[in-house]
Every structure is written in structure tokens, then in C-alpha cells.
Amino acid sequence: MTIRKNFLLEQKMAEDLEKLAKEEGKTQTQITHEALEEYMKNKKREKRLEALNKLIGCVPSGSLVDVDARQMRIEKALKHAN
């Protein structure tokens, strides 16, 4: 998808973007694209960590001590077989 918008950047930032693109041998669009992808990846990671931290307090400590992984796989296989 192509988005045609005018992005207003400070002069210094525009110069930095141009310099970085030349150093990397990429277009300014590619640099911007990669930066946005990295930002979105980090945001997704933060949300997942936040959700994990919320779950930490939900599970009583020691509740998974006597879990038999083999038995769980057998039960799961039986459940899907039906």
C-alpha cells in the first residue's frame, strides 16, 4: 500500500535520515519502514510482557510442581482423538 502524505521533520532529523540512508545504502523510505517495524515489534513485546506480569500473580506458587508432562501429552492426544 502506498501512502502519500507530507511528513514534516525537523531539519536535523531530516539530515540524519538522509545520512543514515546513504550509509546503509538504502532509501529513506526503507530506513523509515525498518524503524517503524522495529518500533511495532518492541510495542508488541512490551504488551506481551505486561500480560505475563499480570498472570504471574494469578498462579499459586507450587501448583505446577507435580505436573507430569508425559501424562499431559497422553491426555491431550486422547482428547483430540475423540
PDB file of N, CA and C in Angstrom:
ATOM      1  N   MET A   1       0.842  -1.161   0.000  1.00  0.00           N
ATOM      2  CA  MET A   1       0.000   0.000   0.000  1.00  0.00           C
ATOM      3  C   MET A   1       0.894   1.233   0.000  1.00  0.00           C
ATOM      4  N   THR A   2       0.540   2.202  -0.748  1.00  0.00           N
ATOM      5  CA  THR A   2       1.285   3.443  -0.803  1.00  0.00           C
ATOM      6  C   THR A   2       0.491   4.530  -0.098  1.00  0.00           C
ATOM      7  N   ILE A   3       1.164   5.244   0.763  1.00  0.00           N
ATOM      8  CA  ILE A   3       0.539   6.372   1.451  1.00  0.00           C
ATOM      9  C   ILE A   3       1.260   7.624   1.003  1.00  0.00           C
ATOM     10  N   ARG A   4       0.535   8.530   0.476  1.00  0.00           N
ATOM     11  CA  ARG A   4       1.141   9.791   0.034  1.00  0.00           C
ATOM     12  C   ARG A   4       0.738  10.882   1.021  1.00  0.00           C
ATOM     13  N   LYS A   5       1.657  11.175   1.884  1.00  0.00           N
ATOM     14  CA  LYS A   5       1.459  12.224   2.883  1.00  0.00           C
ATOM     15  C   LYS A   5       2.741  13.031   2.966  1.00  0.00           C
ATOM     16  N   ASN A   6       2.640  14.199   3.415  1.00  0.00           N
ATOM     17  CA  ASN A   6       3.828  15.005   3.676  1.00  0.00           C
ATOM     18  C   ASN A   6       4.163  14.879   5.151  1.00  0.00           C
ATOM     19  N   PHE A   7       5.368  14.411   5.411  1.00  0.00           N
ATOM     20  CA  PHE A   7       5.825  14.300   6.783  1.00  0.00           C
ATOM     21  C   PHE A   7       6.740  15.483   7.050  1.00  0.00           C
ATOM     22  N   LEU A   8       6.438  16.200   8.098  1.00  0.00           N
ATOM     23  CA  LEU A   8       7.258  17.349   8.461  1.00  0.00           C
ATOM     24  C   LEU A   8       8.235  16.923   9.545  1.00  0.00           C
ATOM     25  N   LEU A   9       9.505  16.985   9.223  1.00  0.00           N
ATOM     26  CA  LEU A   9      10.559  16.632  10.163  1.00  0.00           C
ATOM     27  C   LEU A   9      11.395  17.868  10.437  1.00  0.00           C
ATOM     28  N   GLU A  10      11.979  17.883  11.606  1.00  0.00           N
ATOM     29  CA  GLU A  10      12.921  18.954  11.904  1.00  0.00           C
ATOM     30  C   GLU A  10      14.099  18.809  10.949  1.00  0.00           C
ATOM     31  N   GLN A  11      14.751  19.898  10.655  1.00  0.00           N
ATOM     32  CA  GLN A  11      15.866  19.897   9.703  1.00  0.00           C
ATOM     33  C   GLN A  11      16.931  18.889  10.104  1.00  0.00           C
ATOM     34  N   LYS A  12      17.290  18.864  11.365  1.00  0.00           N
ATOM     35  CA  LYS A  12      18.321  17.940  11.859  1.00  0.00           C
ATOM     36  C   LYS A  12      17.905  16.495  11.645  1.00  0.00           C
ATOM     37  N   MET A  13      16.649  16.187  11.932  1.00  0.00           N
ATOM     38  CA  MET A  13      16.166  14.820  11.785  1.00  0.00           C
ATOM     39  C   MET A  13      16.152  14.410  10.308  1.00  0.00           C
ATOM     40  N   ALA A  14      15.766  15.310   9.436  1.00  0.00           N
ATOM     41  CA  ALA A  14      15.749  15.017   8.006  1.00  0.00           C
ATOM     42  C   ALA A  14      17.169  14.767   7.501  1.00  0.00           C
ATOM     43  N   GLU A  15      18.112  15.544   7.998  1.00  0.00           N
ATOM     44  CA  GLU A  15      19.513  15.354   7.614  1.00  0.00           C
ATOM     45  C   GLU A  15      20.042  14.014   8.132  1.00  0.00           C
ATOM     46  N   ASP A  16      19.679  13.675   9.355  1.00  0.00           N
ATOM     47  CA  ASP A  16      20.101  12.394   9.929  1.00  0.00           C
ATOM     48  C   ASP A  16      19.529  11.219   9.141  1.00  0.00           C
ATOM     49  N   LEU A  17      18.275  11.337   8.744  1.00  0.00           N
ATOM     50  CA  LEU A  17      17.639  10.288   7.953  1.00  0.00           C
ATOM     51  C   LEU A  17      18.338  10.124   6.607  1.00  0.00           C
ATOM     52  N   GLU A  18      18.640  11.231   5.980  1.00  0.00           N
ATOM     53  CA  GLU A  18      19.340  11.202   4.687  1.00  0.00           C
ATOM     54  C   GLU A  18      20.738  10.590   4.839  1.00  0.00           C
ATOM     55  N   LYS A  19      21.454  10.987   5.892  1.00  0.00           N
ATOM     56  CA  LYS A  19      22.797  10.470   6.140  1.00  0.00           C
ATOM     57  C   LYS A  19      22.756   8.968   6.422  1.00  0.00           C
ATOM     58  N   LEU A  20      21.826   8.546   7.238  1.00  0.00           N
ATOM     59  CA  LEU A  20      21.689   7.127   7.578  1.00  0.00           C
ATOM     60  C   LEU A  20      21.364   6.298   6.340  1.00  0.00           C
ATOM     61  N   ALA A  21      20.489   6.806   5.492  1.00  0.00           N
ATOM     62  CA  ALA A  21      20.126   6.104   4.264  1.00  0.00           C
ATOM     63  C   ALA A  21      21.342   5.931   3.361  1.00  0.00           C
ATOM     64  N   LYS A  22      22.156   6.965   3.245  1.00  0.00           N
ATOM     65  CA  LYS A  22      23.374   6.874   2.419  1.00  0.00           C
ATOM     66  C   LYS A  22      24.356   5.867   3.011  1.00  0.00           C
ATOM     67  N   GLU A  23      24.533   5.890   4.333  1.00  0.00           N
ATOM     68  CA  GLU A  23      25.457   4.974   4.993  1.00  0.00           C
ATOM     69  C   GLU A  23      25.024   3.521   4.835  1.00  0.00           C
ATOM     70  N   GLU A  24      23.731   3.282   4.922  1.00  0.00           N
ATOM     71  CA  GLU A  24      23.198   1.932   4.833  1.00  0.00           C
ATOM     72  C   GLU A  24      23.002   1.478   3.389  1.00  0.00           C
ATOM     73  N   GLY A  25      23.065   2.408   2.454  1.00  0.00           N
ATOM     74  CA  GLY A  25      22.830   2.071   1.054  1.00  0.00           C
ATOM     75  C   GLY A  25      21.375   1.738   0.779  1.00  0.00           C
ATOM     76  N   LYS A  26      20.507   2.403   1.490  1.00  0.00           N
ATOM     77  CA  LYS A  26      19.067   2.171   1.366  1.00  0.00           C
ATOM     78  C   LYS A  26      18.377   3.498   1.104  1.00  0.00           C
ATOM     79  N   THR A  27      17.105   3.397   0.746  1.00  0.00           N
ATOM     80  CA  THR A  27      16.332   4.620   0.561  1.00  0.00           C
ATOM     81  C   THR A  27      15.832   5.105   1.923  1.00  0.00           C
ATOM     82  N   GLN A  28      15.445   6.368   1.957  1.00  0.00           N
ATOM     83  CA  GLN A  28      14.889   6.910   3.193  1.00  0.00           C
ATOM     84  C   GLN A  28      13.596   6.187   3.554  1.00  0.00           C
ATOM     85  N   THR A  29      12.855   5.771   2.547  1.00  0.00           N
ATOM     86  CA  THR A  29      11.623   5.022   2.788  1.00  0.00           C
ATOM     87  C   THR A  29      11.936   3.697   3.464  1.00  0.00           C
ATOM     88  N   GLN A  30      12.978   2.999   3.008  1.00  0.00           N
ATOM     89  CA  GLN A  30      13.352   1.726   3.615  1.00  0.00           C
ATOM     90  C   GLN A  30      13.785   1.905   5.068  1.00  0.00           C
ATOM     91  N   ILE A  31      14.559   2.949   5.314  1.00  0.00           N
ATOM     92  CA  ILE A  31      15.007   3.233   6.685  1.00  0.00           C
ATOM     93  C   ILE A  31      13.803   3.508   7.580  1.00  0.00           C
ATOM     94  N   THR A  32      12.880   4.308   7.099  1.00  0.00           N
ATOM     95  CA  THR A  32      11.675   4.629   7.863  1.00  0.00           C
ATOM     96  C   THR A  32      10.848   3.377   8.105  1.00  0.00           C
ATOM     97  N   HIS A  33      10.713   2.549   7.079  1.00  0.00           N
ATOM     98  CA  HIS A  33       9.951   1.307   7.175  1.00  0.00           C
ATOM     99  C   HIS A  33      10.552   0.393   8.246  1.00  0.00           C
ATOM    100  N   GLU A  34      11.868   0.206   8.206  1.00  0.00           N
ATOM    101  CA  GLU A  34      12.538  -0.653   9.177  1.00  0.00           C
ATOM    102  C   GLU A  34      12.406  -0.106  10.596  1.00  0.00           C
ATOM    103  N   ALA A  35      12.517   1.196  10.729  1.00  0.00           N
ATOM    104  CA  ALA A  35      12.388   1.813  12.054  1.00  0.00           C
ATOM    105  C   ALA A  35      10.982   1.606  12.606  1.00  0.00           C
ATOM    106  N   LEU A  36       9.976   1.742  11.756  1.00  0.00           N
ATOM    107  CA  LEU A  36       8.596   1.550  12.191  1.00  0.00           C
ATOM    108  C   LEU A  36       8.338   0.090  12.547  1.00  0.00           C
ATOM    109  N   GLU A  37       8.887  -0.837  11.758  1.00  0.00           N
ATOM    110  CA  GLU A  37       8.732  -2.257  12.076  1.00  0.00           C
ATOM    111  C   GLU A  37       9.359  -2.583  13.425  1.00  0.00           C
ATOM    112  N   GLU A  38      10.540  -2.065  13.673  1.00  0.00           N
ATOM    113  CA  GLU A  38      11.229  -2.301  14.943  1.00  0.00           C
ATOM    114  C   GLU A  38      10.426  -1.720  16.105  1.00  0.00           C
ATOM    115  N   TYR A  39       9.883  -0.528  15.912  1.00  0.00           N
ATOM    116  CA  TYR A  39       9.063   0.106  16.946  1.00  0.00           C
ATOM    117  C   TYR A  39       7.841  -0.745  17.269  1.00  0.00           C
ATOM    118  N   MET A  40       7.164  -1.225  16.218  1.00  0.00           N
ATOM    119  CA  MET A  40       5.961  -2.035  16.422  1.00  0.00           C
ATOM    120  C   MET A  40       6.303  -3.364  17.094  1.00  0.00           C
ATOM    121  N   LYS A  41       7.442  -3.947  16.744  1.00  0.00           N
ATOM    122  CA  LYS A  41       7.885  -5.191  17.361  1.00  0.00           C
ATOM    123  C   LYS A  41       8.134  -4.980  18.850  1.00  0.00           C
ATOM    124  N   ASN A  42       8.757  -3.858  19.195  1.00  0.00           N
ATOM    125  CA  ASN A  42       9.016  -3.548  20.598  1.00  0.00           C
ATOM    126  C   ASN A  42       7.722  -3.301  21.370  1.00  0.00           C
ATOM    127  N   LYS A  43       6.768  -2.622  20.748  1.00  0.00           N
ATOM    128  CA  LYS A  43       5.475  -2.374  21.405  1.00  0.00           C
ATOM    129  C   LYS A  43       4.759  -3.693  21.679  1.00  0.00           C
ATOM    130  N   LYS A  44       4.804  -4.608  20.701  1.00  0.00           N
ATOM    131  CA  LYS A  44       4.171  -5.917  20.864  1.00  0.00           C
ATOM    132  C   LYS A  44       4.836  -6.682  22.009  1.00  0.00           C
ATOM    133  N   ARG A  45       6.165  -6.621  22.066  1.00  0.00           N
ATOM    134  CA  ARG A  45       6.910  -7.288  23.134  1.00  0.00           C
ATOM    135  C   ARG A  45       6.520  -6.715  24.492  1.00  0.00           C
ATOM    136  N   GLU A  46       6.398  -5.389  24.581  1.00  0.00           N
ATOM    137  CA  GLU A  46       6.018  -4.746  25.839  1.00  0.00           C
ATOM    138  C   GLU A  46       4.633  -5.193  26.292  1.00  0.00           C
ATOM    139  N   LYS A  47       3.699  -5.281  25.354  1.00  0.00           N
ATOM    140  CA  LYS A  47       2.340  -5.717  25.708  1.00  0.00           C
ATOM    141  C   LYS A  47       2.343  -7.159  26.196  1.00  0.00           C
ATOM    142  N   ARG A  48       3.145  -8.012  25.566  1.00  0.00           N
ATOM    143  CA  ARG A  48       3.208  -9.404  25.986  1.00  0.00           C
ATOM    144  C   ARG A  48       3.819  -9.523  27.379  1.00  0.00           C
ATOM    145  N   LEU A  49       4.876  -8.743  27.638  1.00  0.00           N
ATOM    146  CA  LEU A  49       5.494  -8.764  28.964  1.00  0.00           C
ATOM    147  C   LEU A  49       4.536  -8.245  30.025  1.00  0.00           C
ATOM    148  N   GLU A  50       3.781  -7.240  29.665  1.00  0.00           N
ATOM    149  CA  GLU A  50       2.791  -6.690  30.590  1.00  0.00           C
ATOM    150  C   GLU A  50       1.739  -7.741  30.926  1.00  0.00           C
ATOM    151  N   ALA A  51       1.273  -8.469  29.915  1.00  0.00           N
ATOM    152  CA  ALA A  51       0.282  -9.529  30.135  1.00  0.00           C
ATOM    153  C   ALA A  51       0.881 -10.646  30.988  1.00  0.00           C
ATOM    154  N   LEU A  52       2.131 -10.996  30.729  1.00  0.00           N
ATOM    155  CA  LEU A  52       2.796 -12.028  31.512  1.00  0.00           C
ATOM    156  C   LEU A  52       2.922 -11.609  32.965  1.00  0.00           C
ATOM    157  N   ASN A  53       3.287 -10.356  33.188  1.00  0.00           N
ATOM    158  CA  ASN A  53       3.412  -9.863  34.561  1.00  0.00           C
ATOM    159  C   ASN A  53       2.074  -9.891  35.290  1.00  0.00           C
ATOM    160  N   LYS A  54       0.991  -9.669  34.581  1.00  0.00           N
ATOM    161  CA  LYS A  54      -0.336  -9.743  35.198  1.00  0.00           C
ATOM    162  C   LYS A  54      -0.679 -11.175  35.571  1.00  0.00           C
ATOM    163  N   LEU A  55      -0.224 -12.138  34.754  1.00  0.00           N
ATOM    164  CA  LEU A  55      -0.515 -13.541  35.021  1.00  0.00           C
ATOM    165  C   LEU A  55       0.318 -14.121  36.155  1.00  0.00           C
ATOM    166  N   ILE A  56       1.469 -13.537  36.408  1.00  0.00           N
ATOM    167  CA  ILE A  56       2.375 -14.095  37.414  1.00  0.00           C
ATOM    168  C   ILE A  56       1.682 -14.225  38.768  1.00  0.00           C
ATOM    169  N   GLY A  57       0.918 -13.255  39.150  1.00  0.00           N
ATOM    170  CA  GLY A  57       0.249 -13.299  40.442  1.00  0.00           C
ATOM    171  C   GLY A  57      -0.971 -14.203  40.471  1.00  0.00           C
ATOM    172  N   CYS A  58      -1.441 -14.654  39.324  1.00  0.00           N
ATOM    173  CA  CYS A  58      -2.659 -15.461  39.259  1.00  0.00           C
ATOM    174  C   CYS A  58      -2.430 -16.937  39.592  1.00  0.00           C
ATOM    175  N   VAL A  59      -1.245 -17.429  39.326  1.00  0.00           N
ATOM    176  CA  VAL A  59      -0.963 -18.851  39.542  1.00  0.00           C
ATOM    177  C   VAL A  59      -0.345 -19.024  40.921  1.00  0.00           C
ATOM    178  N   PRO A  60      -0.988 -19.849  41.771  1.00  0.00           N
ATOM    179  CA  PRO A  60      -0.422 -20.073  43.100  1.00  0.00           C
ATOM    180  C   PRO A  60       0.935 -20.766  42.997  1.00  0.00           C
ATOM    181  N   SER A  61       1.873 -20.345  43.813  1.00  0.00           N
ATOM    182  CA  SER A  61       3.202 -20.948  43.758  1.00  0.00           C
ATOM    183  C   SER A  61       3.124 -22.409  44.174  1.00  0.00           C
ATOM    184  N   GLY A  62       3.864 -23.242  43.478  1.00  0.00           N
ATOM    185  CA  GLY A  62       3.878 -24.666  43.770  1.00  0.00           C
ATOM    186  C   GLY A  62       2.760 -25.450  43.117  1.00  0.00           C
ATOM    187  N   SER A  63       1.880 -24.794  42.371  1.00  0.00           N
ATOM    188  CA  SER A  63       0.747 -25.503  41.776  1.00  0.00           C
ATOM    189  C   SER A  63       1.159 -26.360  40.587  1.00  0.00           C
ATOM    190  N   LEU A  64       2.322 -26.104  40.000  1.00  0.00           N
ATOM    191  CA  LEU A  64       2.758 -26.883  38.848  1.00  0.00           C
ATOM    192  C   LEU A  64       3.919 -27.825  39.185  1.00  0.00           C
ATOM    193  N   VAL A  65       4.148 -28.057  40.460  1.00  0.00           N
ATOM    194  CA  VAL A  65       5.281 -28.872  40.872  1.00  0.00           C
ATOM    195  C   VAL A  65       5.107 -30.333  40.465  1.00  0.00           C
ATOM    196  N   ASP A  66       3.932 -30.880  40.644  1.00  0.00           N
ATOM    197  CA  ASP A  66       3.706 -32.300  40.384  1.00  0.00           C
ATOM    198  C   ASP A  66       3.112 -32.550  39.009  1.00  0.00           C
ATOM    199  N   VAL A  67       3.437 -31.740  38.027  1.00  0.00           N
ATOM    200  CA  VAL A  67       2.905 -31.905  36.683  1.00  0.00           C
ATOM    201  C   VAL A  67       3.761 -32.922  35.930  1.00  0.00           C
ATOM    202  N   ASP A  68       3.088 -33.896  35.328  1.00  0.00           N
ATOM    203  CA  ASP A  68       3.772 -34.909  34.535  1.00  0.00           C
ATOM    204  C   ASP A  68       3.552 -34.568  33.062  1.00  0.00           C
ATOM    205  N   ALA A  69       4.611 -34.128  32.396  1.00  0.00           N
ATOM    206  CA  ALA A  69       4.497 -33.693  31.000  1.00  0.00           C
ATOM    207  C   ALA A  69       4.050 -34.836  30.100  1.00  0.00           C
ATOM    208  N   ARG A  70       4.550 -36.019  30.356  1.00  0.00           N
ATOM    209  CA  ARG A  70       4.171 -37.172  29.521  1.00  0.00           C
ATOM    210  C   ARG A  70       2.683 -37.461  29.648  1.00  0.00           C
ATOM    211  N   GLN A  71       2.188 -37.431  30.865  1.00  0.00           N
ATOM    212  CA  GLN A  71       0.766 -37.683  31.094  1.00  0.00           C
ATOM    213  C   GLN A  71      -0.090 -36.604  30.434  1.00  0.00           C
ATOM    214  N   MET A  72       0.379 -35.380  30.459  1.00  0.00           N
ATOM    215  CA  MET A  72      -0.366 -34.291  29.811  1.00  0.00           C
ATOM    216  C   MET A  72      -0.450 -34.512  28.312  1.00  0.00           C
ATOM    217  N   ARG A  73       0.642 -34.969  27.692  1.00  0.00           N
ATOM    218  CA  ARG A  73       0.620 -35.240  26.256  1.00  0.00           C
ATOM    219  C   ARG A  73      -0.328 -36.373  25.921  1.00  0.00           C
ATOM    220  N   ILE A  74      -0.341 -37.404  26.768  1.00  0.00           N
ATOM    221  CA  ILE A  74      -1.255 -38.530  26.551  1.00  0.00           C
ATOM    222  C   ILE A  74      -2.700 -38.067  26.635  1.00  0.00           C
ATOM    223  N   GLU A  75      -3.016 -37.275  27.651  1.00  0.00           N
ATOM    224  CA  GLU A  75      -4.377 -36.762  27.818  1.00  0.00           C
ATOM    225  C   GLU A  75      -4.781 -35.869  26.650  1.00  0.00           C
ATOM    226  N   LYS A  76      -3.860 -35.055  26.176  1.00  0.00           N
ATOM    227  CA  LYS A  76      -4.145 -34.179  25.053  1.00  0.00           C
ATOM    228  C   LYS A  76      -4.408 -34.993  23.795  1.00  0.00           C
ATOM    229  N   ALA A  77      -3.607 -36.039  23.580  1.00  0.00           N
ATOM    230  CA  ALA A  77      -3.797 -36.899  22.409  1.00  0.00           C
ATOM    231  C   ALA A  77      -5.138 -37.613  22.476  1.00  0.00           C
ATOM    232  N   LEU A  78      -5.502 -38.083  23.653  1.00  0.00           N
ATOM    233  CA  LEU A  78      -6.795 -38.753  23.819  1.00  0.00           C
ATOM    234  C   LEU A  78      -7.956 -37.791  23.583  1.00  0.00           C
ATOM    235  N   LYS A  79      -7.780 -36.593  24.055  1.00  0.00           N
ATOM    236  CA  LYS A  79      -8.834 -35.577  23.879  1.00  0.00           C
ATOM    237  C   LYS A  79      -9.057 -35.265  22.405  1.00  0.00           C
ATOM    238  N   HIS A  80      -7.968 -35.143  21.640  1.00  0.00           N
ATOM    239  CA  HIS A  80      -8.087 -34.844  20.207  1.00  0.00           C
ATOM    240  C   HIS A  80      -8.517 -36.048  19.405  1.00  0.00           C
ATOM    241  N   ALA A  81      -8.319 -37.252  19.941  1.00  0.00           N
ATOM    242  CA  ALA A  81      -8.696 -38.471  19.220  1.00  0.00           C
ATOM    243  C   ALA A  81     -10.214 -38.651  19.231  1.00  0.00           C
ATOM    244  N   ASN A  82     -10.869 -38.086  20.231  1.00  0.00           N
ATOM    245  CA  ASN A  82     -12.334 -38.255  20.326  1.00  0.00           C
ATOM    246  C   ASN A  82     -13.046 -37.346  19.444  1.00  0.00           C
TER     247      ASN A  82
END
